[in-house]
PDB file of N, CA and C in Angstrom:
ATOM      1  N   MET A   1      55.980 -31.663-100.699  1.00  0.00           N
ATOM      2  CA  MET A   1      54.606 -31.852-100.308  1.00  0.00           C
ATOM      3  C   MET A   1      54.586 -32.600 -98.976  1.00  0.00           C
ATOM      4  N   ILE A   2      53.854 -32.065 -97.991  1.00  0.00           N
ATOM      5  CA  ILE A   2      53.820 -32.740 -96.697  1.00  0.00           C
ATOM      6  C   ILE A   2      52.618 -33.668 -96.562  1.00  0.00           C
ATOM      7  N   LEU A   3      51.544 -33.385 -97.294  1.00  0.00           N
ATOM      8  CA  LEU A   3      50.360 -34.241 -97.253  1.00  0.00           C
ATOM      9  C   LEU A   3      49.866 -34.453 -98.675  1.00  0.00           C
ATOM     10  N   ASN A   4      49.625 -35.717 -99.006  1.00  0.00           N
ATOM     11  CA  ASN A   4      49.113 -36.061-100.328  1.00  0.00           C
ATOM     12  C   ASN A   4      48.037 -37.124-100.149  1.00  0.00           C
ATOM     13  N   VAL A   5      46.814 -36.771-100.458  1.00  0.00           N
ATOM     14  CA  VAL A   5      45.677 -37.683-100.358  1.00  0.00           C
ATOM     15  C   VAL A   5      45.272 -38.049-101.784  1.00  0.00           C
ATOM     16  N   LYS A   6      45.171 -39.357-102.053  1.00  0.00           N
ATOM     17  CA  LYS A   6      44.869 -39.822-103.415  1.00  0.00           C
ATOM     18  C   LYS A   6      43.662 -40.755-103.411  1.00  0.00           C
ATOM     19  N   GLY A   7      42.600 -40.342-104.087  1.00  0.00           N
ATOM     20  CA  GLY A   7      41.439 -41.211-104.279  1.00  0.00           C
ATOM     21  C   GLY A   7      40.797 -41.694-103.000  1.00  0.00           C
ATOM     22  N   LEU A   8      40.806 -40.867-101.969  1.00  0.00           N
ATOM     23  CA  LEU A   8      40.303 -41.270-100.655  1.00  0.00           C
ATOM     24  C   LEU A   8      38.798 -41.506-100.689  1.00  0.00           C
ATOM     25  N   GLU A   9      38.400 -42.635-100.128  1.00  0.00           N
ATOM     26  CA  GLU A   9      36.986 -42.953-100.007  1.00  0.00           C
ATOM     27  C   GLU A   9      36.716 -43.473 -98.608  1.00  0.00           C
ATOM     28  N   LYS A  10      35.560 -43.086 -98.077  1.00  0.00           N
ATOM     29  CA  LYS A  10      35.132 -43.546 -96.758  1.00  0.00           C
ATOM     30  C   LYS A  10      33.635 -43.765 -96.802  1.00  0.00           C
ATOM     31  N   SER A  11      33.228 -44.953 -96.370  1.00  0.00           N
ATOM     32  CA  SER A  11      31.806 -45.287 -96.301  1.00  0.00           C
ATOM     33  C   SER A  11      31.475 -45.751 -94.898  1.00  0.00           C
ATOM     34  N   PHE A  12      30.277 -45.445 -94.475  1.00  0.00           N
ATOM     35  CA  PHE A  12      29.722 -45.976 -93.240  1.00  0.00           C
ATOM     36  C   PHE A  12      28.566 -46.869 -93.661  1.00  0.00           C
ATOM     37  N   ASP A  13      28.714 -48.176 -93.438  1.00  0.00           N
ATOM     38  CA  ASP A  13      27.773 -49.165 -93.966  1.00  0.00           C
ATOM     39  C   ASP A  13      27.702 -48.983 -95.479  1.00  0.00           C
ATOM     40  N   ASP A  14      26.543 -48.706 -96.031  1.00  0.00           N
ATOM     41  CA  ASP A  14      26.418 -48.535 -97.484  1.00  0.00           C
ATOM     42  C   ASP A  14      26.427 -47.079 -97.908  1.00  0.00           C
ATOM     43  N   LYS A  15      26.632 -46.154 -96.975  1.00  0.00           N
ATOM     44  CA  LYS A  15      26.583 -44.727 -97.298  1.00  0.00           C
ATOM     45  C   LYS A  15      27.996 -44.194 -97.546  1.00  0.00           C
ATOM     46  N   ALA A  16      28.254 -43.776 -98.785  1.00  0.00           N
ATOM     47  CA  ALA A  16      29.548 -43.186 -99.138  1.00  0.00           C
ATOM     48  C   ALA A  16      29.589 -41.751 -98.632  1.00  0.00           C
ATOM     49  N   VAL A  17      30.563 -41.451 -97.783  1.00  0.00           N
ATOM     50  CA  VAL A  17      30.706 -40.111 -97.213  1.00  0.00           C
ATOM     51  C   VAL A  17      31.775 -39.327 -97.967  1.00  0.00           C
ATOM     52  N   LEU A  18      32.885 -39.971 -98.282  1.00  0.00           N
ATOM     53  CA  LEU A  18      33.962 -39.363 -99.070  1.00  0.00           C
ATOM     54  C   LEU A  18      34.140 -40.195-100.333  1.00  0.00           C
ATOM     55  N   LYS A  19      34.184 -39.534-101.483  1.00  0.00           N
ATOM     56  CA  LYS A  19      34.288 -40.251-102.759  1.00  0.00           C
ATOM     57  C   LYS A  19      35.392 -39.631-103.610  1.00  0.00           C
ATOM     58  N   GLY A  20      36.489 -40.350-103.779  1.00  0.00           N
ATOM     59  CA  GLY A  20      37.553 -39.922-104.686  1.00  0.00           C
ATOM     60  C   GLY A  20      38.205 -38.601-104.323  1.00  0.00           C
ATOM     61  N   ILE A  21      38.486 -38.386-103.045  1.00  0.00           N
ATOM     62  CA  ILE A  21      39.084 -37.129-102.586  1.00  0.00           C
ATOM     63  C   ILE A  21      40.579 -37.116-102.900  1.00  0.00           C
ATOM     64  N   ASP A  22      41.025 -36.064-103.576  1.00  0.00           N
ATOM     65  CA  ASP A  22      42.445 -35.806-103.820  1.00  0.00           C
ATOM     66  C   ASP A  22      42.796 -34.475-103.160  1.00  0.00           C
ATOM     67  N   LEU A  23      43.917 -34.447-102.455  1.00  0.00           N
ATOM     68  CA  LEU A  23      44.329 -33.231-101.753  1.00  0.00           C
ATOM     69  C   LEU A  23      45.849 -33.206-101.668  1.00  0.00           C
ATOM     70  N   GLU A  24      46.433 -32.066-101.984  1.00  0.00           N
ATOM     71  CA  GLU A  24      47.874 -31.865-101.826  1.00  0.00           C
ATOM     72  C   GLU A  24      48.090 -30.637-100.954  1.00  0.00           C
ATOM     73  N   VAL A  25      48.915 -30.794 -99.926  1.00  0.00           N
ATOM     74  CA  VAL A  25      49.250 -29.680 -99.039  1.00  0.00           C
ATOM     75  C   VAL A  25      50.772 -29.577 -98.995  1.00  0.00           C
ATOM     76  N   TYR A  26      51.268 -28.380 -99.232  1.00  0.00           N
ATOM     77  CA  TYR A  26      52.711 -28.127 -99.257  1.00  0.00           C
ATOM     78  C   TYR A  26      53.138 -27.387 -97.998  1.00  0.00           C
ATOM     79  N   ARG A  27      54.378 -27.590 -97.606  1.00  0.00           N
ATOM     80  CA  ARG A  27      54.936 -26.935 -96.418  1.00  0.00           C
ATOM     81  C   ARG A  27      54.707 -25.429 -96.499  1.00  0.00           C
ATOM     82  N   GLY A  28      54.207 -24.856 -95.414  1.00  0.00           N
ATOM     83  CA  GLY A  28      53.957 -23.423 -95.336  1.00  0.00           C
ATOM     84  C   GLY A  28      52.605 -22.997 -95.879  1.00  0.00           C
ATOM     85  N   GLN A  29      51.913 -23.901 -96.511  1.00  0.00           N
ATOM     86  CA  GLN A  29      50.607 -23.586 -97.090  1.00  0.00           C
ATOM     87  C   GLN A  29      49.532 -23.612 -96.004  1.00  0.00           C
ATOM     88  N   ILE A  30      48.574 -22.718 -96.108  1.00  0.00           N
ATOM     89  CA  ILE A  30      47.424 -22.699 -95.203  1.00  0.00           C
ATOM     90  C   ILE A  30      46.217 -23.181 -95.992  1.00  0.00           C
ATOM     91  N   VAL A  31      45.510 -24.157 -95.434  1.00  0.00           N
ATOM     92  CA  VAL A  31      44.374 -24.764 -96.122  1.00  0.00           C
ATOM     93  C   VAL A  31      43.146 -24.670 -95.231  1.00  0.00           C
ATOM     94  N   ALA A  32      42.011 -24.330 -95.818  1.00  0.00           N
ATOM     95  CA  ALA A  32      40.740 -24.301 -95.090  1.00  0.00           C
ATOM     96  C   ALA A  32      39.775 -25.271 -95.753  1.00  0.00           C
ATOM     97  N   LEU A  33      39.105 -26.081 -94.948  1.00  0.00           N
ATOM     98  CA  LEU A  33      38.047 -26.954 -95.448  1.00  0.00           C
ATOM     99  C   LEU A  33      36.720 -26.274 -95.152  1.00  0.00           C
ATOM    100  N   ILE A  34      35.972 -26.009 -96.189  1.00  0.00           N
ATOM    101  CA  ILE A  34      34.703 -25.305 -96.037  1.00  0.00           C
ATOM    102  C   ILE A  34      33.611 -26.157 -96.662  1.00  0.00           C
ATOM    103  N   GLY A  35      32.512 -26.303 -95.954  1.00  0.00           N
ATOM    104  CA  GLY A  35      31.385 -27.058 -96.490  1.00  0.00           C
ATOM    105  C   GLY A  35      30.246 -27.080 -95.507  1.00  0.00           C
ATOM    106  N   SER A  36      29.112 -27.484 -95.991  1.00  0.00           N
ATOM    107  CA  SER A  36      27.922 -27.519 -95.143  1.00  0.00           C
ATOM    108  C   SER A  36      28.025 -28.654 -94.131  1.00  0.00           C
ATOM    109  N   SER A  37      27.182 -28.601 -93.137  1.00  0.00           N
ATOM    110  CA  SER A  37      27.124 -29.636 -92.121  1.00  0.00           C
ATOM    111  C   SER A  37      26.840 -30.983 -92.785  1.00  0.00           C
ATOM    112  N   GLY A  38      27.616 -31.990 -92.417  1.00  0.00           N
ATOM    113  CA  GLY A  38      27.418 -33.318 -92.974  1.00  0.00           C
ATOM    114  C   GLY A  38      28.085 -33.554 -94.309  1.00  0.00           C
ATOM    115  N   SER A  39      28.904 -32.617 -94.764  1.00  0.00           N
ATOM    116  CA  SER A  39      29.533 -32.763 -96.084  1.00  0.00           C
ATOM    117  C   SER A  39      30.805 -33.612 -96.061  1.00  0.00           C
ATOM    118  N   GLY A  40      31.298 -33.998 -94.871  1.00  0.00           N
ATOM    119  CA  GLY A  40      32.458 -34.880 -94.777  1.00  0.00           C
ATOM    120  C   GLY A  40      33.749 -34.222 -94.324  1.00  0.00           C
ATOM    121  N   LYS A  41      33.693 -32.949 -93.916  1.00  0.00           N
ATOM    122  CA  LYS A  41      34.917 -32.242 -93.488  1.00  0.00           C
ATOM    123  C   LYS A  41      35.577 -32.952 -92.307  1.00  0.00           C
ATOM    124  N   SER A  42      34.808 -33.222 -91.282  1.00  0.00           N
ATOM    125  CA  SER A  42      35.364 -33.875 -90.089  1.00  0.00           C
ATOM    126  C   SER A  42      35.820 -35.289 -90.396  1.00  0.00           C
ATOM    127  N   THR A  43      35.078 -35.986 -91.223  1.00  0.00           N
ATOM    128  CA  THR A  43      35.466 -37.345 -91.602  1.00  0.00           C
ATOM    129  C   THR A  43      36.799 -37.332 -92.336  1.00  0.00           C
ATOM    130  N   LEU A  44      36.987 -36.383 -93.233  1.00  0.00           N
ATOM    131  CA  LEU A  44      38.269 -36.265 -93.936  1.00  0.00           C
ATOM    132  C   LEU A  44      39.406 -36.041 -92.943  1.00  0.00           C
ATOM    133  N   LEU A  45      39.221 -35.116 -92.016  1.00  0.00           N
ATOM    134  CA  LEU A  45      40.271 -34.839 -91.031  1.00  0.00           C
ATOM    135  C   LEU A  45      40.522 -36.042 -90.131  1.00  0.00           C
ATOM    136  N   ARG A  46      39.470 -36.757 -89.771  1.00  0.00           N
ATOM    137  CA  ARG A  46      39.627 -37.936 -88.918  1.00  0.00           C
ATOM    138  C   ARG A  46      40.359 -39.061 -89.655  1.00  0.00           C
ATOM    139  N   THR A  47      40.167 -39.174 -90.965  1.00  0.00           N
ATOM    140  CA  THR A  47      40.905 -40.201 -91.710  1.00  0.00           C
ATOM    141  C   THR A  47      42.378 -39.825 -91.831  1.00  0.00           C
ATOM    142  N   ILE A  48      42.657 -38.552 -92.045  1.00  0.00           N
ATOM    143  CA  ILE A  48      44.050 -38.105 -92.146  1.00  0.00           C
ATOM    144  C   ILE A  48      44.778 -38.319 -90.825  1.00  0.00           C
ATOM    145  N   ASN A  49      44.064 -38.171 -89.704  1.00  0.00           N
ATOM    146  CA  ASN A  49      44.654 -38.356 -88.383  1.00  0.00           C
ATOM    147  C   ASN A  49      44.596 -39.810 -87.930  1.00  0.00           C
ATOM    148  N   LEU A  50      44.116 -40.699 -88.797  1.00  0.00           N
ATOM    149  CA  LEU A  50      44.009 -42.135 -88.529  1.00  0.00           C
ATOM    150  C   LEU A  50      43.037 -42.455 -87.404  1.00  0.00           C
ATOM    151  N   LEU A  51      42.053 -41.600 -87.203  1.00  0.00           N
ATOM    152  CA  LEU A  51      41.007 -41.878 -86.225  1.00  0.00           C
ATOM    153  C   LEU A  51      39.847 -42.643 -86.866  1.00  0.00           C
ATOM    154  N   GLU A  52      39.806 -42.665 -88.181  1.00  0.00           N
ATOM    155  CA  GLU A  52      38.818 -43.432 -88.952  1.00  0.00           C
ATOM    156  C   GLU A  52      39.576 -44.220 -90.011  1.00  0.00           C
ATOM    157  N   GLU A  53      39.176 -45.466 -90.227  1.00  0.00           N
ATOM    158  CA  GLU A  53      39.767 -46.261 -91.305  1.00  0.00           C
ATOM    159  C   GLU A  53      39.194 -45.797 -92.633  1.00  0.00           C
ATOM    160  N   ILE A  54      40.023 -45.802 -93.664  1.00  0.00           N
ATOM    161  CA  ILE A  54      39.533 -45.434 -94.987  1.00  0.00           C
ATOM    162  C   ILE A  54      38.993 -46.682 -95.687  1.00  0.00           C
ATOM    163  N   SER A  55      38.073 -46.464 -96.604  1.00  0.00           N
ATOM    164  CA  SER A  55      37.524 -47.569 -97.395  1.00  0.00           C
ATOM    165  C   SER A  55      38.396 -47.843 -98.613  1.00  0.00           C
ATOM    166  N   ASP A  56      39.003 -46.790 -99.158  1.00  0.00           N
ATOM    167  CA  ASP A  56      39.863 -46.930-100.332  1.00  0.00           C
ATOM    168  C   ASP A  56      40.723 -45.680-100.470  1.00  0.00           C
ATOM    169  N   GLY A  57      41.783 -45.781-101.254  1.00  0.00           N
ATOM    170  CA  GLY A  57      42.671 -44.649-101.493  1.00  0.00           C
ATOM    171  C   GLY A  57      43.925 -44.721-100.644  1.00  0.00           C
ATOM    172  N   GLN A  58      44.715 -43.661-100.712  1.00  0.00           N
ATOM    173  CA  GLN A  58      45.979 -43.601 -99.972  1.00  0.00           C
ATOM    174  C   GLN A  58      46.173 -42.217 -99.374  1.00  0.00           C
ATOM    175  N   ILE A  59      46.868 -42.204 -98.239  1.00  0.00           N
ATOM    176  CA  ILE A  59      47.242 -40.954 -97.576  1.00  0.00           C
ATOM    177  C   ILE A  59      48.742 -41.003 -97.338  1.00  0.00           C
ATOM    178  N   PHE A  60      49.449 -39.997 -97.848  1.00  0.00           N
ATOM    179  CA  PHE A  60      50.895 -39.901 -97.658  1.00  0.00           C
ATOM    180  C   PHE A  60      51.208 -38.683 -96.797  1.00  0.00           C
ATOM    181  N   LEU A  61      52.019 -38.877 -95.774  1.00  0.00           N
ATOM    182  CA  LEU A  61      52.500 -37.799 -94.923  1.00  0.00           C
ATOM    183  C   LEU A  61      54.014 -37.797 -95.034  1.00  0.00           C
ATOM    184  N   ASN A  62      54.579 -36.708 -95.548  1.00  0.00           N
ATOM    185  CA  ASN A  62      56.028 -36.646 -95.784  1.00  0.00           C
ATOM    186  C   ASN A  62      56.511 -37.866 -96.568  1.00  0.00           C
ATOM    187  N   ASP A  63      55.788 -38.213 -97.616  1.00  0.00           N
ATOM    188  CA  ASP A  63      56.103 -39.317 -98.532  1.00  0.00           C
ATOM    189  C   ASP A  63      55.963 -40.707 -97.919  1.00  0.00           C
ATOM    190  N   GLU A  64      55.447 -40.820 -96.694  1.00  0.00           N
ATOM    191  CA  GLU A  64      55.208 -42.126 -96.080  1.00  0.00           C
ATOM    192  C   GLU A  64      53.730 -42.469 -96.239  1.00  0.00           C
ATOM    193  N   ASP A  65      53.463 -43.679 -96.714  1.00  0.00           N
ATOM    194  CA  ASP A  65      52.084 -44.131 -96.892  1.00  0.00           C
ATOM    195  C   ASP A  65      51.495 -44.464 -95.525  1.00  0.00           C
ATOM    196  N   ILE A  66      50.740 -43.525 -94.960  1.00  0.00           N
ATOM    197  CA  ILE A  66      50.179 -43.744 -93.627  1.00  0.00           C
ATOM    198  C   ILE A  66      48.853 -44.500 -93.687  1.00  0.00           C
ATOM    199  N   SER A  67      48.377 -44.811 -94.889  1.00  0.00           N
ATOM    200  CA  SER A  67      47.171 -45.631 -95.006  1.00  0.00           C
ATOM    201  C   SER A  67      47.510 -47.119 -94.881  1.00  0.00           C
ATOM    202  N   ASP A  68      48.796 -47.433 -94.826  1.00  0.00           N
ATOM    203  CA  ASP A  68      49.250 -48.805 -94.618  1.00  0.00           C
ATOM    204  C   ASP A  68      48.910 -49.207 -93.181  1.00  0.00           C
ATOM    205  N   PRO A  69      48.190 -50.319 -92.978  1.00  0.00           N
ATOM    206  CA  PRO A  69      47.784 -50.716 -91.623  1.00  0.00           C
ATOM    207  C   PRO A  69      48.950 -50.985 -90.672  1.00  0.00           C
ATOM    208  N   ARG A  70      50.151 -51.187 -91.212  1.00  0.00           N
ATOM    209  CA  ARG A  70      51.321 -51.468 -90.358  1.00  0.00           C
ATOM    210  C   ARG A  70      51.981 -50.207 -89.819  1.00  0.00           C
ATOM    211  N   VAL A  71      51.494 -49.034 -90.220  1.00  0.00           N
ATOM    212  CA  VAL A  71      52.107 -47.776 -89.804  1.00  0.00           C
ATOM    213  C   VAL A  71      51.907 -47.569 -88.294  1.00  0.00           C
ATOM    214  N   ASP A  72      52.855 -46.901 -87.658  1.00  0.00           N
ATOM    215  CA  ASP A  72      52.767 -46.578 -86.230  1.00  0.00           C
ATOM    216  C   ASP A  72      51.797 -45.405 -86.057  1.00  0.00           C
ATOM    217  N   GLN A  73      50.556 -45.708 -85.705  1.00  0.00           N
ATOM    218  CA  GLN A  73      49.519 -44.680 -85.606  1.00  0.00           C
ATOM    219  C   GLN A  73      49.848 -43.617 -84.565  1.00  0.00           C
ATOM    220  N   ASP A  74      50.424 -44.023 -83.456  1.00  0.00           N
ATOM    221  CA  ASP A  74      50.766 -43.042 -82.421  1.00  0.00           C
ATOM    222  C   ASP A  74      51.787 -42.033 -82.937  1.00  0.00           C
ATOM    223  N   GLU A  75      52.769 -42.508 -83.703  1.00  0.00           N
ATOM    224  CA  GLU A  75      53.779 -41.605 -84.257  1.00  0.00           C
ATOM    225  C   GLU A  75      53.146 -40.635 -85.252  1.00  0.00           C
ATOM    226  N   ILE A  76      52.250 -41.114 -86.074  1.00  0.00           N
ATOM    227  CA  ILE A  76      51.572 -40.240 -87.039  1.00  0.00           C
ATOM    228  C   ILE A  76      50.741 -39.199 -86.301  1.00  0.00           C
ATOM    229  N   ARG A  77      50.035 -39.604 -85.269  1.00  0.00           N
ATOM    230  CA  ARG A  77      49.187 -38.659 -84.515  1.00  0.00           C
ATOM    231  C   ARG A  77      50.017 -37.591 -83.812  1.00  0.00           C
ATOM    232  N   ARG A  78      51.276 -37.903 -83.507  1.00  0.00           N
ATOM    233  CA  ARG A  78      52.151 -36.877 -82.927  1.00  0.00           C
ATOM    234  C   ARG A  78      52.528 -35.828 -83.970  1.00  0.00           C
ATOM    235  N   GLN A  79      52.476 -36.191 -85.245  1.00  0.00           N
ATOM    236  CA  GLN A  79      52.859 -35.276 -86.320  1.00  0.00           C
ATOM    237  C   GLN A  79      51.680 -34.494 -86.900  1.00  0.00           C
ATOM    238  N   VAL A  80      50.469 -34.999 -86.713  1.00  0.00           N
ATOM    239  CA  VAL A  80      49.274 -34.383 -87.304  1.00  0.00           C
ATOM    240  C   VAL A  80      48.386 -33.865 -86.184  1.00  0.00           C
ATOM    241  N   GLY A  81      48.242 -32.548 -86.110  1.00  0.00           N
ATOM    242  CA  GLY A  81      47.397 -31.953 -85.077  1.00  0.00           C
ATOM    243  C   GLY A  81      45.957 -31.861 -85.531  1.00  0.00           C
ATOM    244  N   LEU A  82      45.053 -32.010 -84.588  1.00  0.00           N
ATOM    245  CA  LEU A  82      43.629 -31.907 -84.878  1.00  0.00           C
ATOM    246  C   LEU A  82      42.970 -31.228 -83.692  1.00  0.00           C
ATOM    247  N   VAL A  83      42.336 -30.099 -83.936  1.00  0.00           N
ATOM    248  CA  VAL A  83      41.638 -29.365 -82.883  1.00  0.00           C
ATOM    249  C   VAL A  83      40.152 -29.456 -83.175  1.00  0.00           C
ATOM    250  N   PHE A  84      39.411 -29.993 -82.234  1.00  0.00           N
ATOM    251  CA  PHE A  84      37.983 -30.175 -82.429  1.00  0.00           C
ATOM    252  C   PHE A  84      37.221 -28.890 -82.150  1.00  0.00           C
ATOM    253  N   GLN A  85      36.111 -28.726 -82.856  1.00  0.00           N
ATOM    254  CA  GLN A  85      35.234 -27.577 -82.644  1.00  0.00           C
ATOM    255  C   GLN A  85      34.587 -27.655 -81.262  1.00  0.00           C
ATOM    256  N   ALA A  86      34.232 -28.847 -80.858  1.00  0.00           N
ATOM    257  CA  ALA A  86      33.635 -29.072 -79.540  1.00  0.00           C
ATOM    258  C   ALA A  86      34.484 -30.122 -78.829  1.00  0.00           C
ATOM    259  N   TYR A  87      34.387 -30.157 -77.515  1.00  0.00           N
ATOM    260  CA  TYR A  87      35.179 -31.096 -76.727  1.00  0.00           C
ATOM    261  C   TYR A  87      34.801 -32.523 -77.087  1.00  0.00           C
ATOM    262  N   ASN A  88      35.764 -33.333 -77.436  1.00  0.00           N
ATOM    263  CA  ASN A  88      35.542 -34.738 -77.786  1.00  0.00           C
ATOM    264  C   ASN A  88      36.567 -35.608 -77.085  1.00  0.00           C
ATOM    265  N   LEU A  89      36.157 -36.819 -76.765  1.00  0.00           N
ATOM    266  CA  LEU A  89      37.070 -37.811 -76.219  1.00  0.00           C
ATOM    267  C   LEU A  89      37.425 -38.802 -77.311  1.00  0.00           C
ATOM    268  N   PHE A  90      38.627 -39.345 -77.236  1.00  0.00           N
ATOM    269  CA  PHE A  90      39.042 -40.390 -78.159  1.00  0.00           C
ATOM    270  C   PHE A  90      38.578 -41.728 -77.598  1.00  0.00           C
ATOM    271  N   ALA A  91      37.777 -42.458 -78.363  1.00  0.00           N
ATOM    272  CA  ALA A  91      37.197 -43.717 -77.898  1.00  0.00           C
ATOM    273  C   ALA A  91      38.259 -44.773 -77.595  1.00  0.00           C
ATOM    274  N   HIS A  92      39.391 -44.721 -78.276  1.00  0.00           N
ATOM    275  CA  HIS A  92      40.426 -45.740 -78.094  1.00  0.00           C
ATOM    276  C   HIS A  92      41.351 -45.444 -76.904  1.00  0.00           C
ATOM    277  N   LEU A  93      41.143 -44.317 -76.208  1.00  0.00           N
ATOM    278  CA  LEU A  93      41.971 -43.951 -75.055  1.00  0.00           C
ATOM    279  C   LEU A  93      41.164 -44.032 -73.769  1.00  0.00           C
ATOM    280  N   SER A  94      41.869 -44.282 -72.666  1.00  0.00           N
ATOM    281  CA  SER A  94      41.212 -44.252 -71.360  1.00  0.00           C
ATOM    282  C   SER A  94      40.912 -42.803 -70.986  1.00  0.00           C
ATOM    283  N   ILE A  95      40.155 -42.616 -69.929  1.00  0.00           N
ATOM    284  CA  ILE A  95      39.842 -41.259 -69.467  1.00  0.00           C
ATOM    285  C   ILE A  95      41.131 -40.520 -69.126  1.00  0.00           C
ATOM    286  N   LEU A  96      42.039 -41.180 -68.411  1.00  0.00           N
ATOM    287  CA  LEU A  96      43.305 -40.547 -68.044  1.00  0.00           C
ATOM    288  C   LEU A  96      44.106 -40.164 -69.285  1.00  0.00           C
ATOM    289  N   GLU A  97      44.165 -41.051 -70.267  1.00  0.00           N
ATOM    290  CA  GLU A  97      44.912 -40.754 -71.495  1.00  0.00           C
ATOM    291  C   GLU A  97      44.282 -39.602 -72.273  1.00  0.00           C
ATOM    292  N   ASN A  98      42.967 -39.445 -72.195  1.00  0.00           N
ATOM    293  CA  ASN A  98      42.287 -38.354 -72.885  1.00  0.00           C
ATOM    294  C   ASN A  98      42.606 -36.995 -72.280  1.00  0.00           C
ATOM    295  N   ILE A  99      42.916 -36.943 -71.008  1.00  0.00           N
ATOM    296  CA  ILE A  99      43.136 -35.639 -70.361  1.00  0.00           C
ATOM    297  C   ILE A  99      44.602 -35.322 -70.125  1.00  0.00           C
ATOM    298  N   THR A 100      45.497 -36.243 -70.456  1.00  0.00           N
ATOM    299  CA  THR A 100      46.928 -35.967 -70.265  1.00  0.00           C
ATOM    300  C   THR A 100      47.649 -35.899 -71.580  1.00  0.00           C
TER     301      THR A 100
END
């Protein structure tokens, strides 16, 4: 298993966006996230890519607990690709870092 999400929860202020999400992805498997606008698809992907902090739960990538705050986020982001539907900038990067 390359990705294992257990009991993932994400809230913005008092609004729960993700509640108890479990997901297993195996090498070679193709997975599609389908849902209506505002259902949490992008939030789930952003938490897996460590662009959003989780409120609760765990995320394992190749058996490493990447929800641990001590994890090397840059190394994880090199392993997890994310393609946005529309052009987006990463708030934590400079303009130059966003385009290179």
